[in-house]
Amino acid sequence: MTDSVSVQTYDDAEALTTAAARQIIDVIVAAQRDRDSASIVLTGGGNGIGLLRTLRADSGAIDWSKVDIFWGDERFVPAGHPDRNEVQAHEALLDHVPVNPARLHPMPYGDGAYAGDPDAAAHAYEHLLAAHADGGPIPEFDVHLLGMGGEGHVNSLFPDTDAVREDTRFVVGVTDSPKPPAERVTLTLPAIRRARRVWLLVAGADKAEAVAAAIGGANPLDVPAAGALGTEETVWFLDRAAASRLPD
C-alpha cells in the first residue's frame, strides 16, 4: 500500500462529484490506452450515484465497452430491488451508455441460487473476481469508489464487526449489519487494498469527525475508512462541511 493520501476539498457535494467524474475519465481513458481495458468498483449512496449521473451527462473519451464494472457491496435483497446499488447504478448511468453486458459483474441476489446464504454468495463473488484477475487472487482495480457513513463505515464494513476484522478473504457475507437490511455482501479491506486508486467521496458535517479520525490514522476496527488505502493513491474528495475538522 502507498502512503500517498491526499485531500481535495470542494464547496459542496455537487462540486466534489463533478471533480471526481472528471478525474475518473482521465484514469479510465489512460488505462484503456495502456492496457485496452479498465476496471472500476462502484459504490452507492448519494455521492456515488451522483458521480454516475455526472458521467451519464459527459463521460469524455471513455470506451464503455472496455470497462469491467464491479460493486464494493450490495444489500442481499431480490433482483431488481430498488435498494440494490446495482439497480441505482443502472438507472443513473449503465442503462444509458454502451456497456458490454459481459463486463458487468453484479453481486449475487438475495432471491437467487444463494437465497438465505449471504456467505455462499460472497464465496461465489470471490470466485468471480478471481476469474477476472490477471495472475493475482482478484483484479487490481483501477479505481475503487467508496462512500463513508457517519461512523466511518465503507462498503458494508462497519466498526467492530467480523467483516471489518477479516484479513484473509476478499468478499464476505454480512448478517449483522447495524444499518438495515442486516444481510449484505461486501468486499473487505484486503480487497479494497488491491485497488490502484481508492477514492472516498464524502459530504456533510455529520461525517467530519470520522473523516478527521480516518485521515488522522485511526484504528480501522473503530473507523473502517482508515483502512481503505490504494496501492498507488488514496484520495478523499470532500465538501467543506466534511473537511471542517481537518487541520488547516
Protein backbone atom coordinates (compact mmCIF):
# COMPACT_ATOMS: atom_id res chain seq x y z
CA MET A 1 0.00 0.00 0.00
CA THR A 2 1.06 3.55 -0.63
CA ASP A 3 1.47 6.40 1.81
CA SER A 4 0.12 8.76 -0.87
CA VAL A 5 -3.04 10.06 0.78
CA SER A 6 -4.41 13.36 -0.49
CA VAL A 7 -7.41 15.53 0.23
CA GLN A 8 -9.39 17.58 -2.28
CA THR A 9 -11.94 19.98 -0.81
CA TYR A 10 -14.88 21.48 -2.73
CA ASP A 11 -17.71 23.83 -1.91
CA ASP A 12 -20.44 21.19 -1.93
CA ALA A 13 -21.34 17.63 -2.88
CA GLU A 14 -22.15 18.53 -6.47
CA ALA A 15 -18.75 20.13 -6.95
CA LEU A 16 -16.89 17.16 -5.45
CA THR A 17 -18.73 14.60 -7.58
CA THR A 18 -18.15 16.70 -10.69
CA ALA A 19 -14.44 16.87 -9.93
CA ALA A 20 -14.25 13.14 -9.23
CA ALA A 21 -16.05 12.40 -12.51
CA ARG A 22 -13.57 14.49 -14.50
CA GLN A 23 -10.67 12.71 -12.87
CA ILE A 24 -12.12 9.23 -13.30
CA ILE A 25 -12.49 9.89 -17.02
CA ASP A 26 -8.76 10.61 -17.17
CA VAL A 27 -7.91 7.43 -15.24
CA ILE A 28 -10.11 5.13 -17.32
CA VAL A 29 -9.02 6.62 -20.64
CA ALA A 30 -5.36 6.24 -19.63
CA ALA A 31 -5.90 2.63 -18.56
CA GLN A 32 -7.62 1.82 -21.84
CA ARG A 33 -4.81 3.46 -23.76
CA ASP A 34 -2.19 1.46 -21.87
CA ARG A 35 -3.98 -1.90 -21.50
CA ASP A 36 -7.02 -1.65 -23.79
CA SER A 37 -9.18 -2.18 -20.71
CA ALA A 38 -10.10 -0.66 -17.36
CA SER A 39 -11.82 -1.79 -14.18
CA ILE A 40 -13.81 0.11 -11.60
CA VAL A 41 -15.60 -0.76 -8.37
CA LEU A 42 -18.80 1.23 -7.88
CA THR A 43 -20.38 2.39 -4.68
CA GLY A 44 -23.87 3.50 -3.79
CA GLY A 45 -25.03 6.46 -1.75
CA GLY A 46 -25.77 9.99 -2.82
CA ASN A 47 -22.27 10.88 -3.90
CA GLY A 48 -21.50 7.59 -5.62
CA ILE A 49 -24.71 7.73 -7.64
CA GLY A 50 -24.25 11.46 -8.21
CA LEU A 51 -20.88 10.76 -9.82
CA LEU A 52 -22.52 8.25 -12.16
CA ARG A 53 -25.17 10.77 -13.18
CA THR A 54 -22.40 13.23 -13.98
CA LEU A 55 -20.70 10.63 -16.17
CA ARG A 56 -24.01 9.96 -17.89
CA ALA A 57 -24.08 13.61 -18.98
CA ASP A 58 -20.47 13.57 -20.16
CA SER A 59 -18.11 10.59 -19.98
CA GLY A 60 -15.48 12.07 -22.26
CA ALA A 61 -13.49 9.56 -24.28
CA ILE A 62 -14.32 6.51 -22.14
CA ASP A 63 -14.98 3.39 -24.21
CA TRP A 64 -17.65 1.83 -22.02
CA SER A 65 -17.47 -1.46 -23.91
CA LYS A 66 -13.98 -1.95 -22.47
CA VAL A 67 -14.69 -1.32 -18.81
CA ASP A 68 -15.14 -4.11 -16.26
CA ILE A 69 -17.57 -2.93 -13.60
CA PHE A 70 -17.75 -4.45 -10.13
CA TRP A 71 -19.51 -3.47 -6.92
CA GLY A 72 -18.00 -2.89 -3.49
CA ASP A 73 -21.02 -4.09 -1.55
CA GLU A 74 -24.63 -4.95 -2.01
CA ARG A 75 -27.76 -5.36 0.02
CA PHE A 76 -28.74 -9.05 -0.09
CA VAL A 77 -32.20 -8.40 -1.48
CA PRO A 78 -34.05 -9.73 -4.55
CA ALA A 79 -33.03 -8.92 -8.10
CA GLY A 80 -34.47 -5.62 -9.24
CA HIS A 81 -34.99 -4.34 -5.70
CA PRO A 82 -34.65 -0.53 -5.68
CA ASP A 83 -32.28 -0.66 -2.69
CA ARG A 84 -29.64 -2.54 -4.67
CA ASN A 85 -26.65 -0.43 -5.63
CA GLU A 86 -26.68 -2.24 -8.96
CA VAL A 87 -30.23 -1.08 -9.75
CA GLN A 88 -29.39 2.51 -8.85
CA ALA A 89 -26.23 2.39 -10.97
CA HIS A 90 -28.21 1.20 -13.98
CA GLU A 91 -30.74 3.98 -13.56
CA ALA A 92 -28.05 6.64 -13.13
CA LEU A 93 -25.61 5.54 -15.84
CA LEU A 94 -25.33 1.96 -17.05
CA ASP A 95 -28.63 1.89 -18.95
CA HIS A 96 -27.55 4.99 -20.86
CA VAL A 97 -24.03 4.16 -22.07
CA PRO A 98 -22.83 1.33 -24.36
CA VAL A 99 -21.53 -1.05 -21.71
CA ASN A 100 -20.70 -4.65 -22.58
CA PRO A 101 -23.15 -6.77 -20.53
CA ALA A 102 -20.49 -9.47 -20.20
CA ARG A 103 -18.31 -6.97 -18.34
CA LEU A 104 -20.92 -6.05 -15.75
CA HIS A 105 -20.33 -8.06 -12.58
CA PRO A 106 -23.15 -7.56 -10.07
CA MET A 107 -23.11 -9.32 -6.73
CA PRO A 108 -25.49 -12.28 -6.25
CA TYR A 109 -29.13 -11.64 -5.46
CA GLY A 110 -30.91 -12.42 -2.23
CA ASP A 111 -33.58 -14.40 -4.08
CA GLY A 112 -31.28 -16.33 -6.41
CA ALA A 113 -29.31 -19.53 -6.07
CA TYR A 114 -27.79 -18.28 -2.81
CA ALA A 115 -31.05 -17.13 -1.18
CA GLY A 116 -30.73 -17.13 2.58
CA ASP A 117 -26.96 -17.64 2.46
CA PRO A 118 -25.02 -14.39 2.01
CA ASP A 119 -21.75 -16.13 2.83
CA ALA A 120 -22.20 -18.57 -0.07
CA ALA A 121 -22.96 -15.55 -2.27
CA ALA A 122 -19.73 -13.95 -1.05
CA HIS A 123 -17.72 -17.04 -1.95
CA ALA A 124 -19.29 -17.01 -5.41
CA TYR A 125 -18.34 -13.36 -5.93
CA GLU A 126 -14.82 -14.06 -4.72
CA HIS A 127 -14.55 -16.78 -7.39
CA LEU A 128 -15.87 -14.34 -9.99
CA LEU A 129 -13.21 -11.81 -9.02
CA ALA A 130 -10.51 -14.47 -9.26
CA ALA A 131 -11.69 -15.37 -12.76
CA HIS A 132 -11.10 -11.77 -13.83
CA ALA A 133 -7.73 -11.36 -12.16
CA ASP A 134 -4.52 -11.23 -14.13
CA GLY A 135 -2.31 -13.57 -12.16
CA GLY A 136 -3.49 -12.41 -8.75
CA PRO A 137 -6.27 -13.54 -6.41
CA ILE A 138 -8.55 -10.67 -7.53
CA PRO A 139 -8.17 -7.82 -10.02
CA GLU A 140 -6.03 -4.79 -9.32
CA PHE A 141 -8.91 -2.40 -9.83
CA ASP A 142 -8.07 0.90 -11.49
CA VAL A 143 -10.39 2.73 -9.09
CA HIS A 144 -12.37 1.60 -6.08
CA LEU A 145 -15.01 4.22 -5.26
CA LEU A 146 -16.24 4.47 -1.69
CA GLY A 147 -18.73 6.46 0.27
CA MET A 148 -18.49 6.71 4.05
CA GLY A 149 -21.05 6.67 6.83
CA GLY A 150 -21.06 9.00 9.77
CA GLU A 151 -19.43 6.37 11.98
CA GLY A 152 -16.73 5.71 9.38
CA HIS A 153 -18.07 2.60 7.62
CA VAL A 154 -17.13 1.90 3.99
CA ASN A 155 -18.77 -0.72 1.78
CA SER A 156 -20.63 -2.83 4.38
CA LEU A 157 -17.67 -2.81 6.75
CA PHE A 158 -19.00 -1.37 9.99
CA PRO A 159 -16.98 -0.62 13.14
CA ASP A 160 -16.20 -3.53 15.45
CA THR A 161 -17.77 -6.22 13.26
CA ASP A 162 -16.47 -9.52 11.93
CA ALA A 163 -16.45 -8.13 8.39
CA VAL A 164 -14.05 -5.29 9.17
CA ARG A 165 -11.80 -7.68 11.11
CA GLU A 166 -11.47 -10.01 8.09
CA ASP A 167 -7.84 -10.07 6.96
CA THR A 168 -7.78 -13.05 4.57
CA ARG A 169 -10.93 -13.25 2.46
CA PHE A 170 -11.71 -10.65 -0.19
CA VAL A 171 -15.51 -10.94 -0.01
CA VAL A 172 -17.66 -11.85 2.96
CA GLY A 173 -21.32 -12.21 3.77
CA VAL A 174 -22.76 -9.96 6.47
CA THR A 175 -25.71 -10.99 8.62
CA ASP A 176 -25.50 -8.36 11.36
CA SER A 177 -25.33 -5.01 9.58
CA PRO A 178 -26.35 -2.28 12.04
CA LYS A 179 -27.83 -0.43 9.07
CA PRO A 180 -30.75 -2.34 7.51
CA PRO A 181 -31.02 -4.68 5.83
CA ALA A 182 -28.95 -6.88 8.10
CA GLU A 183 -27.88 -9.22 5.29
CA ARG A 184 -25.32 -7.95 2.79
CA VAL A 185 -22.32 -8.98 0.70
CA THR A 186 -19.21 -6.83 0.84
CA LEU A 187 -15.65 -6.53 -0.36
CA THR A 188 -13.27 -6.47 2.60
CA LEU A 189 -10.35 -4.20 3.43
CA PRO A 190 -7.89 -6.67 1.81
CA ALA A 191 -9.90 -6.34 -1.43
CA ILE A 192 -10.01 -2.56 -1.24
CA ARG A 193 -6.26 -2.53 -0.75
CA ARG A 194 -5.80 -4.36 -4.06
CA ALA A 195 -7.06 -1.30 -5.95
CA ARG A 196 -4.56 1.02 -7.57
CA ARG A 197 -6.63 4.01 -6.51
CA VAL A 198 -9.08 4.28 -3.65
CA TRP A 199 -11.30 7.36 -3.84
CA LEU A 200 -13.59 8.30 -0.96
CA LEU A 201 -16.48 10.64 -1.78
CA VAL A 202 -17.76 12.23 1.43
CA ALA A 203 -20.02 15.21 2.09
CA GLY A 204 -21.77 16.62 5.14
CA ALA A 205 -20.91 17.96 8.57
CA ASP A 206 -22.12 14.71 10.15
CA LYS A 207 -19.13 12.96 8.52
CA ALA A 208 -16.48 15.49 9.66
CA GLU A 209 -15.43 13.70 12.85
CA ALA A 210 -15.00 10.34 11.11
CA VAL A 211 -13.13 11.98 8.22
CA ALA A 212 -10.65 13.58 10.59
CA ALA A 213 -10.20 10.33 12.51
CA ALA A 214 -9.68 8.23 9.37
CA ILE A 215 -7.19 10.60 7.78
CA GLY A 216 -5.51 11.00 11.16
CA GLY A 217 -4.72 7.29 11.32
CA ALA A 218 -7.48 5.82 13.47
CA ASN A 219 -7.70 2.07 14.01
CA PRO A 220 -9.74 0.61 11.12
CA LEU A 221 -11.63 -1.57 13.60
CA ASP A 222 -13.02 1.66 15.04
CA VAL A 223 -13.15 3.72 11.83
CA PRO A 224 -13.11 1.33 8.85
CA ALA A 225 -12.39 4.12 6.35
CA ALA A 226 -8.95 4.48 7.93
CA GLY A 227 -8.03 1.11 6.40
CA ALA A 228 -9.18 1.99 2.88
CA LEU A 229 -5.92 2.58 1.04
CA GLY A 230 -4.89 2.17 -2.58
CA THR A 231 -1.63 0.75 -3.86
CA GLU A 232 -0.87 3.93 -5.83
CA GLU A 233 -3.03 6.61 -4.26
CA THR A 234 -5.81 7.30 -1.81
CA VAL A 235 -7.87 10.42 -2.45
CA TRP A 236 -10.51 11.97 -0.23
CA PHE A 237 -13.00 14.08 -2.19
CA LEU A 238 -14.68 16.22 0.48
CA ASP A 239 -17.06 19.11 0.68
CA ARG A 240 -16.18 21.90 3.09
CA ALA A 241 -18.51 20.60 5.78
CA ALA A 242 -16.95 17.13 5.78
CA ALA A 243 -13.47 18.66 5.84
CA SER A 244 -14.28 21.09 8.66
CA ARG A 245 -12.41 19.15 11.38
CA LEU A 246 -9.21 18.66 9.42
CA PRO A 247 -6.18 20.76 10.38
CA ASP A 248 -5.78 23.81 8.16
